[in-house]
């Protein structure tokens, strides 16, 4: 069972922002911005490649609610998901990073070859 499924099943703690029947949002343990929330579907989905349109629609509305709850809806925020190894996906359970609370710069790359595209 993946770490996010353990959080959904209350086997691991989280700093919960909100949950409903289908989704959970909680603070990232290693934030990359002043506000860094992870949003997950409660049902295990490996990655964006497997997500259904219905789940995406629900997740979109849920993320909009989260942005309002944490106070970044008006100032702006970034929503990102990583897909697969080259995309930087560390946990094989679909999740969205909601980042805000400061003006965000764009991008970083893991190696010098990739950084030439900056």
PDB file of N, CA and C in Angstrom:
ATOM      1  N   UNK A   1       0.855  -1.180   0.000  1.00  0.00           N
ATOM      2  CA  UNK A   1       0.000   0.000   0.000  1.00  0.00           C
ATOM      3  C   UNK A   1       0.900   1.242   0.000  1.00  0.00           C
ATOM      4  N   UNK A   2       0.578   2.223  -0.830  1.00  0.00           N
ATOM      5  CA  UNK A   2       1.402   3.432  -0.935  1.00  0.00           C
ATOM      6  C   UNK A   2       1.159   4.360   0.260  1.00  0.00           C
ATOM      7  N   UNK A   3       2.067   5.316   0.426  1.00  0.00           N
ATOM      8  CA  UNK A   3       1.989   6.236   1.564  1.00  0.00           C
ATOM      9  C   UNK A   3       0.691   7.044   1.562  1.00  0.00           C
ATOM     10  N   UNK A   4       0.205   7.439   0.392  1.00  0.00           N
ATOM     11  CA  UNK A   4      -1.029   8.225   0.350  1.00  0.00           C
ATOM     12  C   UNK A   4      -2.248   7.369   0.685  1.00  0.00           C
ATOM     13  N   UNK A   5      -2.242   6.111   0.274  1.00  0.00           N
ATOM     14  CA  UNK A   5      -3.336   5.211   0.660  1.00  0.00           C
ATOM     15  C   UNK A   5      -3.344   5.007   2.174  1.00  0.00           C
ATOM     16  N   UNK A   6      -2.162   4.968   2.780  1.00  0.00           N
ATOM     17  CA  UNK A   6      -2.082   4.852   4.243  1.00  0.00           C
ATOM     18  C   UNK A   6      -2.635   6.100   4.918  1.00  0.00           C
ATOM     19  N   UNK A   7      -2.409   7.263   4.337  1.00  0.00           N
ATOM     20  CA  UNK A   7      -2.992   8.496   4.880  1.00  0.00           C
ATOM     21  C   UNK A   7      -4.513   8.456   4.747  1.00  0.00           C
ATOM     22  N   UNK A   8      -5.008   8.041   3.585  1.00  0.00           N
ATOM     23  CA  UNK A   8      -6.458   7.931   3.371  1.00  0.00           C
ATOM     24  C   UNK A   8      -7.078   6.996   4.401  1.00  0.00           C
ATOM     25  N   UNK A   9      -6.395   5.888   4.707  1.00  0.00           N
ATOM     26  CA  UNK A   9      -6.908   4.884   5.645  1.00  0.00           C
ATOM     27  C   UNK A   9      -6.599   5.205   7.101  1.00  0.00           C
ATOM     28  N   UNK A  10      -6.086   6.401   7.377  1.00  0.00           N
ATOM     29  CA  UNK A  10      -5.733   6.851   8.731  1.00  0.00           C
ATOM     30  C   UNK A  10      -4.666   5.991   9.387  1.00  0.00           C
ATOM     31  N   UNK A  11      -3.845   5.334   8.575  1.00  0.00           N
ATOM     32  CA  UNK A  11      -2.725   4.561   9.108  1.00  0.00           C
ATOM     33  C   UNK A  11      -1.506   5.451   9.332  1.00  0.00           C
ATOM     34  N   UNK A  12      -1.475   6.604   8.666  1.00  0.00           N
ATOM     35  CA  UNK A  12      -0.432   7.614   8.848  1.00  0.00           C
ATOM     36  C   UNK A  12      -1.115   8.960   9.063  1.00  0.00           C
ATOM     37  N   UNK A  13      -0.513   9.821   9.889  1.00  0.00           N
ATOM     38  CA  UNK A  13      -1.120  11.131  10.131  1.00  0.00           C
ATOM     39  C   UNK A  13      -0.863  12.099   8.982  1.00  0.00           C
ATOM     40  N   UNK A  14      -1.677  13.130   8.916  1.00  0.00           N
ATOM     41  CA  UNK A  14      -1.458  14.222   7.963  1.00  0.00           C
ATOM     42  C   UNK A  14      -1.975  15.502   8.592  1.00  0.00           C
ATOM     43  N   UNK A  15      -1.474  16.614   8.102  1.00  0.00           N
ATOM     44  CA  UNK A  15      -1.971  17.924   8.518  1.00  0.00           C
ATOM     45  C   UNK A  15      -3.075  18.299   7.531  1.00  0.00           C
ATOM     46  N   UNK A  16      -4.254  17.810   7.804  1.00  0.00           N
ATOM     47  CA  UNK A  16      -5.391  17.883   6.889  1.00  0.00           C
ATOM     48  C   UNK A  16      -5.895  19.314   6.704  1.00  0.00           C
ATOM     49  N   UNK A  17      -6.161  19.659   5.461  1.00  0.00           N
ATOM     50  CA  UNK A  17      -6.807  20.931   5.125  1.00  0.00           C
ATOM     51  C   UNK A  17      -8.297  20.694   4.930  1.00  0.00           C
ATOM     52  N   UNK A  18      -8.636  19.656   4.150  1.00  0.00           N
ATOM     53  CA  UNK A  18     -10.041  19.344   3.864  1.00  0.00           C
ATOM     54  C   UNK A  18     -10.111  17.953   3.245  1.00  0.00           C
ATOM     55  N   UNK A  19     -11.238  17.303   3.467  1.00  0.00           N
ATOM     56  CA  UNK A  19     -11.521  16.059   2.753  1.00  0.00           C
ATOM     57  C   UNK A  19     -13.010  15.960   2.507  1.00  0.00           C
ATOM     58  N   UNK A  20     -13.339  15.197   1.477  1.00  0.00           N
ATOM     59  CA  UNK A  20     -14.730  14.846   1.216  1.00  0.00           C
ATOM     60  C   UNK A  20     -14.753  13.354   0.893  1.00  0.00           C
ATOM     61  N   UNK A  21     -15.818  12.870   0.307  1.00  0.00           N
ATOM     62  CA  UNK A  21     -15.915  11.436   0.020  1.00  0.00           C
ATOM     63  C   UNK A  21     -14.870  10.956  -0.986  1.00  0.00           C
ATOM     64  N   UNK A  22     -14.403  11.847  -1.858  1.00  0.00           N
ATOM     65  CA  UNK A  22     -13.538  11.437  -2.959  1.00  0.00           C
ATOM     66  C   UNK A  22     -12.095  11.924  -2.888  1.00  0.00           C
ATOM     67  N   UNK A  23     -11.839  13.031  -2.175  1.00  0.00           N
ATOM     68  CA  UNK A  23     -10.513  13.659  -2.211  1.00  0.00           C
ATOM     69  C   UNK A  23     -10.050  14.081  -0.825  1.00  0.00           C
ATOM     70  N   UNK A  24      -8.738  14.238  -0.700  1.00  0.00           N
ATOM     71  CA  UNK A  24      -8.124  14.765   0.520  1.00  0.00           C
ATOM     72  C   UNK A  24      -7.107  15.823   0.132  1.00  0.00           C
ATOM     73  N   UNK A  25      -6.946  16.815   1.001  1.00  0.00           N
ATOM     74  CA  UNK A  25      -5.904  17.828   0.835  1.00  0.00           C
ATOM     75  C   UNK A  25      -5.197  17.992   2.172  1.00  0.00           C
ATOM     76  N   UNK A  26      -3.875  17.983   2.130  1.00  0.00           N
ATOM     77  CA  UNK A  26      -3.088  18.123   3.356  1.00  0.00           C
ATOM     78  C   UNK A  26      -1.775  18.824   3.040  1.00  0.00           C
ATOM     79  N   UNK A  27      -1.165  19.394   4.073  1.00  0.00           N
ATOM     80  CA  UNK A  27       0.095  20.120   3.908  1.00  0.00           C
ATOM     81  C   UNK A  27       1.230  19.155   3.580  1.00  0.00           C
ATOM     82  N   UNK A  28       2.081  19.555   2.639  1.00  0.00           N
ATOM     83  CA  UNK A  28       3.266  18.775   2.287  1.00  0.00           C
ATOM     84  C   UNK A  28       4.252  18.816   3.449  1.00  0.00           C
ATOM     85  N   UNK A  29       4.890  17.684   3.739  1.00  0.00           N
ATOM     86  CA  UNK A  29       5.871  17.622   4.829  1.00  0.00           C
ATOM     87  C   UNK A  29       7.159  18.366   4.503  1.00  0.00           C
ATOM     88  N   UNK A  30       7.465  18.528   3.216  1.00  0.00           N
ATOM     89  CA  UNK A  30       8.671  19.226   2.769  1.00  0.00           C
ATOM     90  C   UNK A  30       8.268  20.328   1.792  1.00  0.00           C
ATOM     91  N   UNK A  31       7.676  21.406   2.298  1.00  0.00           N
ATOM     92  CA  UNK A  31       7.122  22.431   1.413  1.00  0.00           C
ATOM     93  C   UNK A  31       8.170  23.129   0.555  1.00  0.00           C
ATOM     94  N   UNK A  32       7.769  23.423  -0.679  1.00  0.00           N
ATOM     95  CA  UNK A  32       8.607  24.137  -1.643  1.00  0.00           C
ATOM     96  C   UNK A  32       8.135  25.576  -1.827  1.00  0.00           C
ATOM     97  N   UNK A  33       7.154  25.989  -1.056  1.00  0.00           N
ATOM     98  CA  UNK A  33       6.609  27.344  -1.086  1.00  0.00           C
ATOM     99  C   UNK A  33       5.983  27.595   0.286  1.00  0.00           C
ATOM    100  N   UNK A  34       5.706  28.856   0.630  1.00  0.00           N
ATOM    101  CA  UNK A  34       5.073  29.130   1.921  1.00  0.00           C
ATOM    102  C   UNK A  34       3.782  28.333   2.134  1.00  0.00           C
ATOM    103  N   UNK A  35       3.029  28.143   1.072  1.00  0.00           N
ATOM    104  CA  UNK A  35       1.857  27.260   1.116  1.00  0.00           C
ATOM    105  C   UNK A  35       2.093  26.156   0.097  1.00  0.00           C
ATOM    106  N   UNK A  36       2.083  24.918   0.565  1.00  0.00           N
ATOM    107  CA  UNK A  36       2.304  23.759  -0.311  1.00  0.00           C
ATOM    108  C   UNK A  36       1.370  22.651   0.161  1.00  0.00           C
ATOM    109  N   UNK A  37       0.294  22.477  -0.575  1.00  0.00           N
ATOM    110  CA  UNK A  37      -0.746  21.503  -0.251  1.00  0.00           C
ATOM    111  C   UNK A  37      -0.703  20.372  -1.272  1.00  0.00           C
ATOM    112  N   UNK A  38      -0.879  19.149  -0.807  1.00  0.00           N
ATOM    113  CA  UNK A  38      -1.027  17.993  -1.689  1.00  0.00           C
ATOM    114  C   UNK A  38      -2.503  17.632  -1.751  1.00  0.00           C
ATOM    115  N   UNK A  39      -2.996  17.395  -2.953  1.00  0.00           N
ATOM    116  CA  UNK A  39      -4.392  17.005  -3.160  1.00  0.00           C
ATOM    117  C   UNK A  39      -4.390  15.653  -3.850  1.00  0.00           C
ATOM    118  N   UNK A  40      -5.106  14.694  -3.263  1.00  0.00           N
ATOM    119  CA  UNK A  40      -5.123  13.327  -3.790  1.00  0.00           C
ATOM    120  C   UNK A  40      -6.552  12.813  -3.919  1.00  0.00           C
ATOM    121  N   UNK A  41      -6.775  11.920  -4.892  1.00  0.00           N
ATOM    122  CA  UNK A  41      -8.030  11.174  -4.875  1.00  0.00           C
ATOM    123  C   UNK A  41      -7.909  10.092  -3.805  1.00  0.00           C
ATOM    124  N   UNK A  42      -8.985   9.811  -3.108  1.00  0.00           N
ATOM    125  CA  UNK A  42      -8.938   8.761  -2.085  1.00  0.00           C
ATOM    126  C   UNK A  42      -8.773   7.382  -2.717  1.00  0.00           C
ATOM    127  N   UNK A  43      -9.359   7.193  -3.876  1.00  0.00           N
ATOM    128  CA  UNK A  43      -9.176   5.932  -4.591  1.00  0.00           C
ATOM    129  C   UNK A  43      -7.806   5.964  -5.255  1.00  0.00           C
ATOM    130  N   UNK A  44      -7.048   4.895  -5.128  1.00  0.00           N
ATOM    131  CA  UNK A  44      -5.699   4.859  -5.693  1.00  0.00           C
ATOM    132  C   UNK A  44      -5.750   4.923  -7.221  1.00  0.00           C
ATOM    133  N   UNK A  45      -5.031   5.900  -7.756  1.00  0.00           N
ATOM    134  CA  UNK A  45      -4.804   6.053  -9.193  1.00  0.00           C
ATOM    135  C   UNK A  45      -3.309   6.262  -9.323  1.00  0.00           C
ATOM    136  N   UNK A  46      -2.626   5.450 -10.134  1.00  0.00           N
ATOM    137  CA  UNK A  46      -1.164   5.528 -10.207  1.00  0.00           C
ATOM    138  C   UNK A  46      -0.642   6.891 -10.637  1.00  0.00           C
ATOM    139  N   UNK A  47      -1.212   7.461 -11.691  1.00  0.00           N
ATOM    140  CA  UNK A  47      -0.694   8.732 -12.198  1.00  0.00           C
ATOM    141  C   UNK A  47      -1.742   9.411 -13.072  1.00  0.00           C
ATOM    142  N   UNK A  48      -1.381  10.571 -13.559  1.00  0.00           N
ATOM    143  CA  UNK A  48      -2.236  11.338 -14.460  1.00  0.00           C
ATOM    144  C   UNK A  48      -2.603  10.527 -15.699  1.00  0.00           C
ATOM    145  N   UNK A  49      -1.733   9.621 -16.117  1.00  0.00           N
ATOM    146  CA  UNK A  49      -2.004   8.800 -17.302  1.00  0.00           C
ATOM    147  C   UNK A  49      -3.214   7.891 -17.128  1.00  0.00           C
ATOM    148  N   UNK A  50      -3.590   7.595 -15.898  1.00  0.00           N
ATOM    149  CA  UNK A  50      -4.704   6.678 -15.643  1.00  0.00           C
ATOM    150  C   UNK A  50      -5.965   7.364 -15.135  1.00  0.00           C
ATOM    151  N   UNK A  51      -5.935   8.668 -14.921  1.00  0.00           N
ATOM    152  CA  UNK A  51      -7.072   9.347 -14.307  1.00  0.00           C
ATOM    153  C   UNK A  51      -8.254   9.428 -15.279  1.00  0.00           C
ATOM    154  N   UNK A  52      -9.466   9.306 -14.740  1.00  0.00           N
ATOM    155  CA  UNK A  52     -10.677   9.404 -15.559  1.00  0.00           C
ATOM    156  C   UNK A  52     -11.132  10.864 -15.648  1.00  0.00           C
ATOM    157  N   UNK A  53     -11.902  11.181 -16.682  1.00  0.00           N
ATOM    158  CA  UNK A  53     -12.447  12.543 -16.777  1.00  0.00           C
ATOM    159  C   UNK A  53     -13.307  12.920 -15.563  1.00  0.00           C
ATOM    160  N   UNK A  54     -14.042  11.958 -15.021  1.00  0.00           N
ATOM    161  CA  UNK A  54     -14.889  12.235 -13.864  1.00  0.00           C
ATOM    162  C   UNK A  54     -14.048  12.612 -12.643  1.00  0.00           C
ATOM    163  N   UNK A  55     -12.963  11.876 -12.418  1.00  0.00           N
ATOM    164  CA  UNK A  55     -12.082  12.190 -11.295  1.00  0.00           C
ATOM    165  C   UNK A  55     -11.434  13.553 -11.499  1.00  0.00           C
ATOM    166  N   UNK A  56     -11.004  13.841 -12.720  1.00  0.00           N
ATOM    167  CA  UNK A  56     -10.387  15.142 -13.005  1.00  0.00           C
ATOM    168  C   UNK A  56     -11.358  16.285 -12.744  1.00  0.00           C
ATOM    169  N   UNK A  57     -12.600  16.125 -13.145  1.00  0.00           N
ATOM    170  CA  UNK A  57     -13.595  17.183 -12.932  1.00  0.00           C
ATOM    171  C   UNK A  57     -13.786  17.445 -11.439  1.00  0.00           C
ATOM    172  N   UNK A  58     -13.920  16.377 -10.677  1.00  0.00           N
ATOM    173  CA  UNK A  58     -14.089  16.535  -9.232  1.00  0.00           C
ATOM    174  C   UNK A  58     -12.858  17.125  -8.572  1.00  0.00           C
ATOM    175  N   UNK A  59     -11.688  16.691  -9.018  1.00  0.00           N
ATOM    176  CA  UNK A  59     -10.447  17.180  -8.433  1.00  0.00           C
ATOM    177  C   UNK A  59     -10.253  18.662  -8.742  1.00  0.00           C
ATOM    178  N   UNK A  60     -10.629  19.091  -9.936  1.00  0.00           N
ATOM    179  CA  UNK A  60     -10.509  20.501 -10.301  1.00  0.00           C
ATOM    180  C   UNK A  60     -11.326  21.376  -9.352  1.00  0.00           C
ATOM    181  N   UNK A  61     -12.563  21.014  -9.118  1.00  0.00           N
ATOM    182  CA  UNK A  61     -13.412  21.776  -8.195  1.00  0.00           C
ATOM    183  C   UNK A  61     -12.848  21.757  -6.781  1.00  0.00           C
ATOM    184  N   UNK A  62     -12.347  20.607  -6.367  1.00  0.00           N
ATOM    185  CA  UNK A  62     -11.789  20.466  -5.018  1.00  0.00           C
ATOM    186  C   UNK A  62     -10.556  21.356  -4.854  1.00  0.00           C
ATOM    187  N   UNK A  63      -9.683  21.384  -5.848  1.00  0.00           N
ATOM    188  CA  UNK A  63      -8.482  22.228  -5.789  1.00  0.00           C
ATOM    189  C   UNK A  63      -8.876  23.700  -5.705  1.00  0.00           C
ATOM    190  N   UNK A  64      -9.895  24.108  -6.434  1.00  0.00           N
ATOM    191  CA  UNK A  64     -10.364  25.495  -6.350  1.00  0.00           C
ATOM    192  C   UNK A  64     -10.835  25.826  -4.933  1.00  0.00           C
ATOM    193  N   UNK A  65     -11.522  24.895  -4.287  1.00  0.00           N
ATOM    194  CA  UNK A  65     -11.951  25.086  -2.897  1.00  0.00           C
ATOM    195  C   UNK A  65     -10.747  25.219  -1.970  1.00  0.00           C
ATOM    196  N   UNK A  66      -9.741  24.391  -2.188  1.00  0.00           N
ATOM    197  CA  UNK A  66      -8.542  24.416  -1.346  1.00  0.00           C
ATOM    198  C   UNK A  66      -7.840  25.764  -1.477  1.00  0.00           C
ATOM    199  N   UNK A  67      -7.716  26.273  -2.691  1.00  0.00           N
ATOM    200  CA  UNK A  67      -7.071  27.574  -2.898  1.00  0.00           C
ATOM    201  C   UNK A  67      -7.791  28.664  -2.108  1.00  0.00           C
ATOM    202  N   UNK A  68      -9.100  28.590  -2.057  1.00  0.00           N
ATOM    203  CA  UNK A  68      -9.857  29.579  -1.287  1.00  0.00           C
ATOM    204  C   UNK A  68      -9.642  29.381   0.212  1.00  0.00           C
ATOM    205  N   UNK A  69      -9.683  28.147   0.671  1.00  0.00           N
ATOM    206  CA  UNK A  69      -9.516  27.854   2.101  1.00  0.00           C
ATOM    207  C   UNK A  69      -8.171  28.349   2.624  1.00  0.00           C
ATOM    208  N   UNK A  70      -7.101  28.129   1.863  1.00  0.00           N
ATOM    209  CA  UNK A  70      -5.759  28.499   2.342  1.00  0.00           C
ATOM    210  C   UNK A  70      -5.380  29.934   1.977  1.00  0.00           C
ATOM    211  N   UNK A  71      -6.292  30.671   1.330  1.00  0.00           N
ATOM    212  CA  UNK A  71      -6.115  32.093   1.115  1.00  0.00           C
ATOM    213  C   UNK A  71      -5.241  32.503  -0.053  1.00  0.00           C
ATOM    214  N   UNK A  72      -5.165  31.665  -1.093  1.00  0.00           N
ATOM    215  CA  UNK A  72      -4.330  32.011  -2.245  1.00  0.00           C
ATOM    216  C   UNK A  72      -5.132  32.176  -3.537  1.00  0.00           C
ATOM    217  N   UNK A  73      -6.429  32.071  -3.440  1.00  0.00           N
ATOM    218  CA  UNK A  73      -7.271  32.145  -4.641  1.00  0.00           C
ATOM    219  C   UNK A  73      -7.078  33.463  -5.382  1.00  0.00           C
ATOM    220  N   UNK A  74      -7.052  34.564  -4.668  1.00  0.00           N
ATOM    221  CA  UNK A  74      -6.958  35.881  -5.305  1.00  0.00           C
ATOM    222  C   UNK A  74      -5.527  36.256  -5.665  1.00  0.00           C
ATOM    223  N   UNK A  75      -4.551  35.895  -4.837  1.00  0.00           N
ATOM    224  CA  UNK A  75      -3.157  36.301  -5.078  1.00  0.00           C
ATOM    225  C   UNK A  75      -2.479  35.458  -6.151  1.00  0.00           C
ATOM    226  N   UNK A  76      -2.960  34.249  -6.354  1.00  0.00           N
ATOM    227  CA  UNK A  76      -2.404  33.365  -7.379  1.00  0.00           C
ATOM    228  C   UNK A  76      -1.677  32.177  -6.786  1.00  0.00           C
ATOM    229  N   UNK A  77      -1.616  31.129  -7.573  1.00  0.00           N
ATOM    230  CA  UNK A  77      -1.004  29.884  -7.115  1.00  0.00           C
ATOM    231  C   UNK A  77      -0.663  29.022  -8.316  1.00  0.00           C
ATOM    232  N   UNK A  78       0.095  27.983  -8.051  1.00  0.00           N
ATOM    233  CA  UNK A  78       0.491  27.028  -9.088  1.00  0.00           C
ATOM    234  C   UNK A  78      -0.091  25.665  -8.727  1.00  0.00           C
ATOM    235  N   UNK A  79      -0.576  24.957  -9.750  1.00  0.00           N
ATOM    236  CA  UNK A  79      -1.073  23.587  -9.597  1.00  0.00           C
ATOM    237  C   UNK A  79      -0.249  22.721 -10.530  1.00  0.00           C
ATOM    238  N   UNK A  80       0.367  21.694  -9.980  1.00  0.00           N
ATOM    239  CA  UNK A  80       1.249  20.859 -10.802  1.00  0.00           C
ATOM    240  C   UNK A  80       1.132  19.401 -10.370  1.00  0.00           C
ATOM    241  N   UNK A  81       1.264  18.514 -11.351  1.00  0.00           N
ATOM    242  CA  UNK A  81       1.399  17.095 -11.056  1.00  0.00           C
ATOM    243  C   UNK A  81       2.593  16.572 -11.841  1.00  0.00           C
ATOM    244  N   UNK A  82       3.291  15.631 -11.264  1.00  0.00           N
ATOM    245  CA  UNK A  82       4.437  15.001 -11.911  1.00  0.00           C
ATOM    246  C   UNK A  82       4.000  13.624 -12.396  1.00  0.00           C
ATOM    247  N   UNK A  83       4.421  13.261 -13.609  1.00  0.00           N
ATOM    248  CA  UNK A  83       3.994  11.995 -14.206  1.00  0.00           C
ATOM    249  C   UNK A  83       5.221  11.168 -14.561  1.00  0.00           C
ATOM    250  N   UNK A  84       5.350  10.011 -13.937  1.00  0.00           N
ATOM    251  CA  UNK A  84       6.440   9.090 -14.252  1.00  0.00           C
ATOM    252  C   UNK A  84       7.793   9.539 -13.721  1.00  0.00           C
ATOM    253  N   UNK A  85       8.773   8.687 -13.933  1.00  0.00           N
ATOM    254  CA  UNK A  85      10.109   8.933 -13.399  1.00  0.00           C
ATOM    255  C   UNK A  85      10.738  10.205 -13.949  1.00  0.00           C
ATOM    256  N   UNK A  86      10.710  10.402 -15.261  1.00  0.00           N
ATOM    257  CA  UNK A  86      11.315  11.602 -15.836  1.00  0.00           C
ATOM    258  C   UNK A  86      10.548  12.866 -15.475  1.00  0.00           C
ATOM    259  N   UNK A  87       9.296  12.727 -15.128  1.00  0.00           N
ATOM    260  CA  UNK A  87       8.504  13.871 -14.692  1.00  0.00           C
ATOM    261  C   UNK A  87       8.681  14.191 -13.223  1.00  0.00           C
ATOM    262  N   UNK A  88       9.428  13.352 -12.514  1.00  0.00           N
ATOM    263  CA  UNK A  88       9.702  13.600 -11.104  1.00  0.00           C
ATOM    264  C   UNK A  88       8.679  13.034 -10.143  1.00  0.00           C
ATOM    265  N   UNK A  89       7.838  12.101 -10.606  1.00  0.00           N
ATOM    266  CA  UNK A  89       6.830  11.519  -9.719  1.00  0.00           C
ATOM    267  C   UNK A  89       7.503  10.578  -8.731  1.00  0.00           C
ATOM    268  N   UNK A  90       7.452  10.929  -7.450  1.00  0.00           N
ATOM    269  CA  UNK A  90       8.085  10.117  -6.409  1.00  0.00           C
ATOM    270  C   UNK A  90       7.115   9.131  -5.784  1.00  0.00           C
ATOM    271  N   UNK A  91       5.858   9.518  -5.632  1.00  0.00           N
ATOM    272  CA  UNK A  91       4.838   8.641  -5.062  1.00  0.00           C
ATOM    273  C   UNK A  91       3.906   8.232  -6.189  1.00  0.00           C
ATOM    274  N   UNK A  92       3.765   6.936  -6.392  1.00  0.00           N
ATOM    275  CA  UNK A  92       2.942   6.424  -7.495  1.00  0.00           C
ATOM    276  C   UNK A  92       1.468   6.378  -7.088  1.00  0.00           C
ATOM    277  N   UNK A  93       0.952   7.543  -6.770  1.00  0.00           N
ATOM    278  CA  UNK A  93      -0.459   7.775  -6.471  1.00  0.00           C
ATOM    279  C   UNK A  93      -0.706   9.196  -6.955  1.00  0.00           C
ATOM    280  N   UNK A  94      -1.633   9.364  -7.881  1.00  0.00           N
ATOM    281  CA  UNK A  94      -1.902  10.680  -8.449  1.00  0.00           C
ATOM    282  C   UNK A  94      -2.030  11.715  -7.344  1.00  0.00           C
ATOM    283  N   UNK A  95      -1.292  12.800  -7.473  1.00  0.00           N
ATOM    284  CA  UNK A  95      -1.413  13.905  -6.529  1.00  0.00           C
ATOM    285  C   UNK A  95      -1.046  15.206  -7.210  1.00  0.00           C
ATOM    286  N   UNK A  96      -1.677  16.244  -6.744  1.00  0.00           N
ATOM    287  CA  UNK A  96      -1.447  17.590  -7.253  1.00  0.00           C
ATOM    288  C   UNK A  96      -0.791  18.405  -6.159  1.00  0.00           C
ATOM    289  N   UNK A  97       0.211  19.174  -6.547  1.00  0.00           N
ATOM    290  CA  UNK A  97       0.844  20.132  -5.649  1.00  0.00           C
ATOM    291  C   UNK A  97       0.158  21.473  -5.884  1.00  0.00           C
ATOM    292  N   UNK A  98      -0.327  22.083  -4.828  1.00  0.00           N
ATOM    293  CA  UNK A  98      -0.905  23.421  -4.892  1.00  0.00           C
ATOM    294  C   UNK A  98       0.049  24.321  -4.120  1.00  0.00           C
ATOM    295  N   UNK A  99       0.727  25.213  -4.852  1.00  0.00           N
ATOM    296  CA  UNK A  99       1.782  26.043  -4.267  1.00  0.00           C
ATOM    297  C   UNK A  99       1.412  27.513  -4.356  1.00  0.00           C
ATOM    298  N   UNK A 100       1.671  28.250  -3.291  1.00  0.00           N
ATOM    299  CA  UNK A 100       1.385  29.679  -3.300  1.00  0.00           C
ATOM    300  C   UNK A 100       1.938  30.354  -2.064  1.00  0.00           C
ATOM    301  N   UNK A 101       1.435  31.548  -1.820  1.00  0.00           N
ATOM    302  CA  UNK A 101       1.872  32.307  -0.664  1.00  0.00           C
ATOM    303  C   UNK A 101       3.049  33.217  -0.933  1.00  0.00           C
ATOM    304  N   UNK A 102       3.568  33.210  -2.151  1.00  0.00           N
ATOM    305  CA  UNK A 102       4.685  34.063  -2.565  1.00  0.00           C
ATOM    306  C   UNK A 102       4.710  34.075  -4.086  1.00  0.00           C
ATOM    307  N   UNK A 103       5.439  35.027  -4.650  1.00  0.00           N
ATOM    308  CA  UNK A 103       5.621  35.044  -6.104  1.00  0.00           C
ATOM    309  C   UNK A 103       6.546  33.882  -6.456  1.00  0.00           C
ATOM    310  N   UNK A 104       6.106  33.016  -7.327  1.00  0.00           N
ATOM    311  CA  UNK A 104       6.836  31.795  -7.652  1.00  0.00           C
ATOM    312  C   UNK A 104       7.652  31.972  -8.925  1.00  0.00           C
ATOM    313  N   UNK A 105       8.889  31.492  -8.892  1.00  0.00           N
ATOM    314  CA  UNK A 105       9.732  31.457 -10.087  1.00  0.00           C
ATOM    315  C   UNK A 105       9.357  30.220 -10.889  1.00  0.00           C
ATOM    316  N   UNK A 106       9.905  30.098 -12.088  1.00  0.00           N
ATOM    317  CA  UNK A 106       9.578  28.945 -12.920  1.00  0.00           C
ATOM    318  C   UNK A 106      10.742  27.987 -13.008  1.00  0.00           C
ATOM    319  N   UNK A 107      10.476  26.765 -12.702  1.00  0.00           N
ATOM    320  CA  UNK A 107      11.253  25.605 -13.071  1.00  0.00           C
ATOM    321  C   UNK A 107      12.628  25.403 -12.493  1.00  0.00           C
ATOM    322  N   UNK A 108      12.989  24.165 -12.445  1.00  0.00           N
ATOM    323  CA  UNK A 108      14.344  23.716 -12.169  1.00  0.00           C
ATOM    324  C   UNK A 108      14.496  22.345 -12.807  1.00  0.00           C
ATOM    325  N   UNK A 109      15.721  21.995 -13.110  1.00  0.00           N
ATOM    326  CA  UNK A 109      15.987  20.724 -13.764  1.00  0.00           C
ATOM    327  C   UNK A 109      17.004  19.943 -12.959  1.00  0.00           C
ATOM    328  N   UNK A 110      17.009  18.649 -13.129  1.00  0.00           N
ATOM    329  CA  UNK A 110      17.858  17.768 -12.338  1.00  0.00           C
ATOM    330  C   UNK A 110      19.299  17.736 -12.811  1.00  0.00           C
ATOM    331  N   UNK A 111      19.572  18.120 -14.047  1.00  0.00           N
ATOM    332  CA  UNK A 111      20.943  18.007 -14.546  1.00  0.00           C
ATOM    333  C   UNK A 111      21.282  19.157 -15.487  1.00  0.00           C
ATOM    334  N   UNK A 112      22.577  19.305 -15.777  1.00  0.00           N
ATOM    335  CA  UNK A 112      23.060  20.409 -16.614  1.00  0.00           C
ATOM    336  C   UNK A 112      22.501  20.334 -18.031  1.00  0.00           C
ATOM    337  N   UNK A 113      22.368  19.141 -18.581  1.00  0.00           N
ATOM    338  CA  UNK A 113      21.844  18.980 -19.943  1.00  0.00           C
ATOM    339  C   UNK A 113      20.438  19.566 -20.047  1.00  0.00           C
ATOM    340  N   UNK A 114      19.601  19.247 -19.081  1.00  0.00           N
ATOM    341  CA  UNK A 114      18.236  19.770 -19.095  1.00  0.00           C
ATOM    342  C   UNK A 114      18.191  21.261 -18.824  1.00  0.00           C
ATOM    343  N   UNK A 115      19.125  21.778 -18.009  1.00  0.00           N
ATOM    344  CA  UNK A 115      19.078  23.184 -17.613  1.00  0.00           C
ATOM    345  C   UNK A 115      19.312  24.142 -18.775  1.00  0.00           C
ATOM    346  N   UNK A 116      19.849  23.673 -19.894  1.00  0.00           N
ATOM    347  CA  UNK A 116      20.065  24.565 -21.036  1.00  0.00           C
ATOM    348  C   UNK A 116      18.751  25.071 -21.624  1.00  0.00           C
ATOM    349  N   UNK A 117      17.644  24.455 -21.257  1.00  0.00           N
ATOM    350  CA  UNK A 117      16.340  24.872 -21.763  1.00  0.00           C
ATOM    351  C   UNK A 117      15.727  26.000 -20.946  1.00  0.00           C
ATOM    352  N   UNK A 118      16.384  26.412 -19.870  1.00  0.00           N
ATOM    353  CA  UNK A 118      15.874  27.516 -19.043  1.00  0.00           C
ATOM    354  C   UNK A 118      15.938  28.829 -19.782  1.00  0.00           C
TER     355      UNK A 118
END
